[in-house]
Amino acid sequence: MDQPDALEHVHGLVGDDQAPPADLSPHDNQPLESLPDAPSALQPFGAALAPVLLEVCGDRLRNVRWFRTDWQRGGALTGYCDWIDDDGATREAVVKMPVPPAERRWLVRLSSDEVTPRVYAHGTALGGYDLAWVIMEKLPYGPVGRKWGAHAVELLAEAAAHFYASARVVPPEGQPKRRDWPELLKRARDHATPRMVPHAQRWKQALKQAGRKLDGWLDTWRGRPHDTWCHGDLHLGNAMTRVAPPDGPAVLFDLANVHAGHWVEDAVYFEHLYWARPERLGGHKPVKLIAHYLKEYGISPGEDWPELANLKRAMLAMAAPGLMDTEGGRVQVEAALEVLERYV
């Protein structure tokens, strides 16, 4: 729905601003803050445009219950609602506004392939503002986590491979994301003190050896193929299902960080979330598992994926002391040290 007076329809699902319950993912639970119906309780931006959305959608959009997570800013709104489909049936749905334009495009591209939530309606403008929005069916189960047992990792790996296969209809473009690894190494060294991290002396030795290897690591890493659209935030909290646990398949959402790169980036990122709690992976090796599912979708994972995975592990582990506030604290840092020592 790129024009306010013309609805575009696809099919649908989601709940991507829902925070995963604390026992479902390695991330802390972020409780939702319910908002009253009164516009004064909303940010002015959202309060002004919520009625416009209702008018644009007409009788198809009903009973919107707005809420906001504690990380939403600037009037961004999410709501549960009812959507009336072409047959007159009422569907439970989720409405989001605004969403990043790229996320809207990917949702629309992939929803019909069952990779992502099916989109009921979407648009790029509201009330004269350039503002992307989507209405999607509410996913009934998830986020995927402990209720799925060890099968959760398999579901996510299969969903990731499905995402890579389906996204190939659009040739990857743009530069891959580049992190300043030398600066991250410097920051790690600055934090590798007895006051900041466990085993500070071991850290200093491991970081010294990492510094000697970093140029070589970067030459190989930056020469990797950029032939895949990466999800950019692959973890269990960004997957839900249409069927009750422990069944699947899983459906991915939160596509705001999709970018061109190599699938190993997603896979090692997901794996590293469990370095301190490997038992939660149920014996699975996420990177190897995604490589397996890529082959099932007819995609070669590349002959060099084990080497690239090891490089990414080493560099993520190297950076851990400087990222304690955002990457799991002292327990995760201690686990990262063991990973780094394996590769230096």
Protein backbone atom coordinates (compact mmCIF):
# COMPACT_ATOMS: atom_id res chain seq x y z
CA MET A 1 0.00 0.00 0.00
CA ASP A 2 2.22 2.76 -1.28
CA GLN A 3 -0.63 5.24 -1.77
CA PRO A 4 -2.94 6.15 1.11
CA ASP A 5 -6.08 5.41 -0.90
CA ALA A 6 -5.09 2.03 -2.32
CA LEU A 7 -4.56 -1.04 -0.13
CA GLU A 8 -1.98 -3.60 -1.18
CA HIS A 9 -2.54 -7.06 0.26
CA VAL A 10 -0.37 -10.09 0.75
CA HIS A 11 -0.87 -12.90 3.26
CA GLY A 12 0.36 -12.64 6.92
CA LEU A 13 1.90 -13.00 10.50
CA VAL A 14 4.13 -11.54 13.39
CA GLY A 15 4.89 -9.84 16.70
CA ASP A 16 8.40 -8.51 16.24
CA ASP A 17 8.38 -5.86 18.93
CA GLN A 18 7.29 -8.49 21.43
CA ALA A 19 10.16 -9.19 23.78
CA PRO A 20 11.03 -12.87 24.24
CA PRO A 21 10.24 -14.26 27.68
CA ALA A 22 13.34 -14.47 29.85
CA ASP A 23 13.62 -18.24 29.55
CA LEU A 24 13.44 -18.31 25.76
CA SER A 25 16.60 -16.57 24.61
CA PRO A 26 19.98 -15.40 25.89
CA HIS A 27 18.68 -11.85 25.97
CA ASP A 28 17.08 -10.25 28.98
CA ASN A 29 13.32 -9.98 28.93
CA GLN A 30 12.06 -6.52 28.04
CA PRO A 31 8.58 -6.07 29.54
CA LEU A 32 5.94 -4.32 27.47
CA GLU A 33 4.46 -1.06 28.62
CA SER A 34 0.72 -0.99 27.89
CA LEU A 35 -0.60 2.31 26.67
CA PRO A 36 -4.09 3.64 27.39
CA ASP A 37 -6.35 4.41 24.48
CA ALA A 38 -6.22 8.14 25.20
CA PRO A 39 -4.03 9.96 22.64
CA SER A 40 -2.42 11.98 25.44
CA ALA A 41 -0.67 8.81 26.57
CA LEU A 42 1.13 8.49 23.23
CA GLN A 43 4.00 10.38 21.74
CA PRO A 44 2.59 13.22 19.60
CA PHE A 45 3.90 11.68 16.37
CA GLY A 46 2.22 8.34 16.94
CA ALA A 47 -0.92 9.94 18.37
CA ALA A 48 -1.34 12.05 15.26
CA LEU A 49 -0.86 9.23 12.77
CA ALA A 50 -2.66 6.34 14.47
CA PRO A 51 -6.09 7.75 13.49
CA VAL A 52 -4.84 8.31 9.94
CA LEU A 53 -3.92 4.64 9.65
CA LEU A 54 -7.37 3.63 10.87
CA GLU A 55 -8.95 5.89 8.26
CA VAL A 56 -6.74 4.56 5.46
CA CYS A 57 -7.57 0.95 6.27
CA GLY A 58 -11.26 1.60 6.77
CA ASP A 59 -13.35 -1.17 8.30
CA ARG A 60 -10.63 -3.73 7.66
CA LEU A 61 -8.58 -2.62 10.68
CA ARG A 62 -10.42 -2.87 14.01
CA ASN A 63 -9.85 -3.01 17.77
CA VAL A 64 -6.26 -1.72 17.81
CA ARG A 65 -4.61 -2.07 21.23
CA TRP A 66 -1.43 0.01 21.13
CA PHE A 67 1.58 -0.82 23.24
CA ARG A 68 5.20 0.16 23.29
CA THR A 69 8.31 -1.68 24.38
CA ASP A 70 10.79 0.17 26.53
CA TRP A 71 13.28 0.45 23.66
CA GLN A 72 10.90 2.20 21.27
CA ARG A 73 11.50 5.92 20.87
CA GLY A 74 10.16 8.88 18.97
CA GLY A 75 6.50 7.90 18.84
CA ALA A 76 6.98 4.47 17.26
CA LEU A 77 3.95 2.30 17.95
CA THR A 78 3.06 -1.37 17.82
CA GLY A 79 -0.39 -2.76 18.40
CA TYR A 80 -2.44 -5.90 18.41
CA CYS A 81 -5.50 -5.63 16.23
CA ASP A 82 -8.10 -7.46 14.18
CA TRP A 83 -7.86 -7.54 10.40
CA ILE A 84 -10.79 -8.34 8.12
CA ASP A 85 -9.57 -10.30 5.11
CA ASP A 86 -11.03 -10.47 1.60
CA ASP A 87 -13.43 -13.24 2.64
CA GLY A 88 -14.74 -11.24 5.59
CA ALA A 89 -12.96 -13.44 8.15
CA THR A 90 -11.38 -11.79 11.21
CA ARG A 91 -7.68 -12.41 11.71
CA GLU A 92 -5.59 -11.57 14.75
CA ALA A 93 -2.89 -9.19 13.58
CA VAL A 94 -0.08 -6.86 14.58
CA VAL A 95 0.33 -3.32 13.28
CA LYS A 96 3.69 -1.50 13.35
CA MET A 97 4.45 2.11 12.52
CA PRO A 98 6.90 3.29 11.56
CA VAL A 99 9.12 0.48 10.35
CA PRO A 100 12.43 0.97 8.53
CA PRO A 101 11.69 1.12 4.80
CA ALA A 102 14.12 -1.74 4.10
CA GLU A 103 12.37 -3.93 6.65
CA ARG A 104 9.01 -3.30 4.99
CA ARG A 105 10.46 -4.21 1.59
CA TRP A 106 11.92 -7.47 2.89
CA LEU A 107 8.73 -8.44 4.68
CA VAL A 108 6.75 -7.92 1.49
CA ARG A 109 9.31 -9.75 -0.65
CA LEU A 110 9.60 -12.82 1.57
CA SER A 111 6.23 -13.21 3.26
CA SER A 112 4.63 -15.07 0.38
CA ASP A 113 7.45 -17.63 0.56
CA GLU A 114 6.62 -18.43 4.21
CA VAL A 115 10.03 -17.15 5.35
CA THR A 116 8.69 -14.16 7.26
CA PRO A 117 5.30 -13.11 8.63
CA ARG A 118 2.66 -12.79 5.94
CA VAL A 119 1.79 -9.15 5.41
CA TYR A 120 -1.88 -8.14 5.17
CA ALA A 121 -1.29 -4.52 4.21
CA HIS A 122 1.59 -2.10 4.04
CA GLY A 123 2.51 1.37 2.89
CA THR A 124 5.23 3.97 2.68
CA ALA A 125 3.26 7.08 3.66
CA LEU A 126 0.72 8.26 6.22
CA GLY A 127 -0.82 11.69 6.59
CA GLY A 128 1.63 13.27 4.19
CA TYR A 129 4.66 11.83 5.97
CA ASP A 130 7.17 9.43 4.40
CA LEU A 131 6.55 6.67 6.91
CA ALA A 132 6.58 2.93 6.31
CA TRP A 133 4.05 0.75 8.12
CA VAL A 134 2.87 -2.85 8.04
CA ILE A 135 -0.06 -4.92 9.25
CA MET A 136 0.76 -8.59 9.78
CA GLU A 137 -0.99 -11.62 11.22
CA LYS A 138 -0.12 -12.25 14.84
CA LEU A 139 2.06 -15.32 15.25
CA PRO A 140 0.57 -17.58 17.92
CA TYR A 141 3.67 -19.30 19.31
CA GLY A 142 7.05 -18.04 20.43
CA PRO A 143 9.53 -16.57 20.34
CA VAL A 144 11.18 -19.95 19.83
CA GLY A 145 13.06 -21.14 22.90
CA ARG A 146 13.14 -23.71 25.67
CA LYS A 147 9.65 -25.03 25.02
CA TRP A 148 11.03 -26.32 21.72
CA GLY A 149 13.97 -28.02 23.44
CA ALA A 150 17.00 -28.83 21.31
CA HIS A 151 14.74 -28.62 18.25
CA ALA A 152 14.78 -24.82 18.60
CA VAL A 153 18.30 -24.61 17.18
CA GLU A 154 17.36 -26.81 14.24
CA LEU A 155 14.30 -24.68 13.52
CA LEU A 156 16.34 -21.48 13.53
CA ALA A 157 19.06 -22.97 11.33
CA GLU A 158 16.50 -24.19 8.80
CA ALA A 159 14.71 -20.84 8.85
CA ALA A 160 18.00 -19.03 8.26
CA ALA A 161 18.81 -21.20 5.25
CA HIS A 162 15.30 -20.65 3.91
CA PHE A 163 15.81 -16.91 4.31
CA TYR A 164 19.12 -17.00 2.38
CA ALA A 165 17.58 -19.08 -0.40
CA SER A 166 14.51 -16.88 -0.79
CA ALA A 167 16.39 -13.59 -0.54
CA ARG A 168 18.55 -14.61 -3.51
CA VAL A 169 15.82 -13.38 -5.86
CA VAL A 170 17.33 -9.93 -5.19
CA PRO A 171 21.07 -9.84 -6.01
CA PRO A 172 23.05 -8.67 -2.96
CA GLU A 173 24.21 -5.10 -3.31
CA GLY A 174 25.96 -2.49 -1.23
CA GLN A 175 29.02 -2.79 0.94
CA PRO A 176 29.08 -5.33 3.77
CA LYS A 177 29.10 -4.00 7.29
CA ARG A 178 32.63 -3.27 8.47
CA ARG A 179 33.63 -3.07 12.10
CA ASP A 180 36.73 -1.29 13.27
CA TRP A 181 38.48 -4.39 14.58
CA PRO A 182 41.77 -2.64 15.44
CA GLU A 183 39.80 -0.17 17.56
CA LEU A 184 37.89 -3.02 19.19
CA LEU A 185 41.21 -4.69 20.00
CA LYS A 186 42.47 -1.47 21.57
CA ARG A 187 39.30 -1.15 23.62
CA ALA A 188 39.61 -4.78 24.74
CA ARG A 189 43.17 -4.15 25.91
CA ASP A 190 42.05 -1.08 27.84
CA HIS A 191 39.46 -3.19 29.66
CA ALA A 192 41.67 -6.23 30.30
CA THR A 193 42.47 -5.26 33.89
CA PRO A 194 41.89 -7.20 37.13
CA ARG A 195 39.20 -4.70 38.10
CA MET A 196 37.28 -5.19 34.85
CA VAL A 197 37.60 -8.83 33.77
CA PRO A 198 38.32 -12.26 35.22
CA HIS A 199 41.74 -13.74 34.34
CA ALA A 200 43.19 -10.37 33.30
CA GLN A 201 46.70 -11.75 32.81
CA ARG A 202 45.47 -14.47 30.47
CA TRP A 203 43.51 -11.86 28.58
CA LYS A 204 46.57 -9.68 28.15
CA GLN A 205 48.55 -12.59 26.74
CA ALA A 206 45.74 -13.71 24.42
CA LEU A 207 45.16 -10.16 23.16
CA LYS A 208 48.87 -9.70 22.52
CA GLN A 209 48.86 -12.79 20.31
CA ALA A 210 45.61 -11.69 18.65
CA GLY A 211 47.23 -8.37 17.81
CA ARG A 212 49.97 -10.19 15.95
CA LYS A 213 47.45 -12.16 13.92
CA LEU A 214 44.81 -9.49 13.33
CA ASP A 215 46.15 -8.14 10.02
CA GLY A 216 46.15 -11.63 8.54
CA TRP A 217 42.69 -12.34 9.90
CA LEU A 218 41.36 -9.13 8.37
CA ASP A 219 42.92 -9.80 4.97
CA THR A 220 41.07 -13.11 4.80
CA TRP A 221 37.84 -11.85 6.37
CA ARG A 222 37.55 -8.79 4.16
CA GLY A 223 38.17 -10.94 1.11
CA ARG A 224 35.21 -13.20 1.86
CA PRO A 225 32.38 -13.46 -0.70
CA HIS A 226 29.57 -10.95 -0.27
CA ASP A 227 26.99 -13.05 -2.04
CA THR A 228 24.31 -13.45 0.62
CA TRP A 229 21.69 -11.24 2.20
CA CYS A 230 22.40 -11.64 5.92
CA HIS A 231 19.58 -11.34 8.44
CA GLY A 232 21.78 -9.24 10.69
CA ASP A 233 20.22 -10.20 14.04
CA LEU A 234 19.75 -13.95 13.98
CA HIS A 235 18.69 -15.37 17.34
CA LEU A 236 15.80 -17.32 18.84
CA GLY A 237 14.04 -14.18 20.01
CA ASN A 238 13.51 -13.25 16.36
CA ALA A 239 11.72 -16.46 15.40
CA MET A 240 8.19 -17.69 16.06
CA THR A 241 5.99 -20.50 14.76
CA ARG A 242 2.49 -21.02 13.53
CA VAL A 243 2.22 -24.37 15.34
CA ALA A 244 2.61 -25.35 18.98
CA PRO A 245 6.00 -26.36 20.42
CA PRO A 246 8.06 -28.32 19.64
CA ASP A 247 6.98 -28.24 16.00
CA GLY A 248 7.85 -25.78 13.24
CA PRO A 249 8.87 -24.47 10.83
CA ALA A 250 10.07 -21.20 12.32
CA VAL A 251 9.29 -17.82 10.80
CA LEU A 252 11.87 -15.01 11.01
CA PHE A 253 11.14 -11.36 11.70
CA ASP A 254 12.94 -8.15 12.68
CA LEU A 255 14.55 -7.50 9.30
CA ALA A 256 15.83 -4.00 9.96
CA ASN A 257 19.47 -5.14 9.82
CA VAL A 258 19.41 -7.11 6.56
CA HIS A 259 22.63 -6.46 4.63
CA ALA A 260 24.89 -7.97 2.01
CA GLY A 261 27.58 -10.25 3.37
CA HIS A 262 28.37 -13.90 4.08
CA TRP A 263 26.00 -16.28 5.88
CA VAL A 264 28.75 -17.16 8.39
CA GLU A 265 28.26 -13.70 9.93
CA ASP A 266 24.75 -14.63 11.08
CA ALA A 267 25.69 -18.16 12.08
CA VAL A 268 28.64 -17.24 14.31
CA TYR A 269 26.73 -14.35 15.83
CA PHE A 270 23.97 -16.76 16.90
CA GLU A 271 26.51 -19.30 18.17
CA HIS A 272 28.46 -16.77 20.24
CA LEU A 273 25.36 -15.87 22.25
CA TYR A 274 25.71 -19.31 23.87
CA TRP A 275 29.44 -19.46 24.50
CA ALA A 276 28.79 -19.16 28.22
CA ARG A 277 25.82 -21.59 28.11
CA PRO A 278 26.59 -24.15 25.39
CA GLU A 279 24.23 -26.69 26.95
CA ARG A 280 21.31 -24.61 25.68
CA LEU A 281 22.28 -25.53 22.13
CA GLY A 282 21.32 -29.13 22.88
CA GLY A 283 24.50 -30.51 21.36
CA HIS A 284 23.98 -28.70 18.05
CA LYS A 285 26.68 -26.76 16.21
CA PRO A 286 24.79 -23.82 14.67
CA VAL A 287 27.30 -22.95 11.94
CA LYS A 288 27.61 -26.53 10.73
CA LEU A 289 23.84 -26.95 10.94
CA ILE A 290 23.15 -23.89 8.79
CA ALA A 291 25.72 -25.12 6.25
CA HIS A 292 23.81 -28.42 6.14
CA TYR A 293 20.45 -26.72 5.53
CA LEU A 294 21.95 -24.47 2.85
CA LYS A 295 22.87 -27.60 0.91
CA GLU A 296 19.31 -28.86 1.32
CA TYR A 297 18.12 -25.63 -0.32
CA GLY A 298 20.54 -26.20 -3.18
CA ILE A 299 23.05 -23.55 -2.08
CA SER A 300 26.75 -24.23 -1.67
CA PRO A 301 27.97 -22.91 1.70
CA GLY A 302 31.40 -22.39 0.11
CA GLU A 303 34.53 -24.42 0.67
CA ASP A 304 36.06 -21.83 2.99
CA TRP A 305 33.20 -21.52 5.47
CA PRO A 306 35.02 -23.37 8.32
CA GLU A 307 37.99 -20.99 8.07
CA LEU A 308 35.74 -17.93 7.92
CA ALA A 309 33.78 -19.18 10.92
CA ASN A 310 36.96 -19.57 12.94
CA LEU A 311 38.11 -16.06 12.02
CA LYS A 312 34.78 -14.58 13.04
CA ARG A 313 34.84 -16.49 16.33
CA ALA A 314 38.36 -15.27 17.08
CA MET A 315 37.56 -11.64 16.36
CA LEU A 316 34.30 -11.66 18.32
CA ALA A 317 36.08 -13.27 21.25
CA MET A 318 38.93 -10.75 20.99
CA ALA A 319 36.49 -7.85 21.29
CA ALA A 320 34.61 -9.23 24.31
CA PRO A 321 36.33 -7.30 27.17
CA GLY A 322 35.49 -3.97 25.55
CA LEU A 323 31.86 -4.98 25.00
CA MET A 324 30.99 -6.27 28.47
CA ASP A 325 28.10 -3.86 28.92
CA THR A 326 26.30 -5.10 25.82
CA GLU A 327 27.54 -8.66 25.31
CA GLY A 328 26.60 -10.62 28.40
CA GLY A 329 28.86 -9.38 31.18
CA ARG A 330 31.64 -11.19 33.01
CA VAL A 331 30.37 -14.73 32.39
CA GLN A 332 30.32 -14.19 28.63
CA VAL A 333 33.75 -12.55 28.73
CA GLU A 334 35.19 -15.53 30.58
CA ALA A 335 33.77 -17.88 27.96
CA ALA A 336 35.12 -15.66 25.17
CA LEU A 337 38.62 -15.96 26.63
CA GLU A 338 38.54 -19.73 26.19
CA VAL A 339 37.38 -19.28 22.60
CA LEU A 340 40.13 -16.77 21.82
CA GLU A 341 42.83 -18.94 23.34
CA ARG A 342 41.86 -21.74 20.97
CA TYR A 343 42.61 -19.56 17.95
CA VAL A 344 45.75 -17.71 19.05
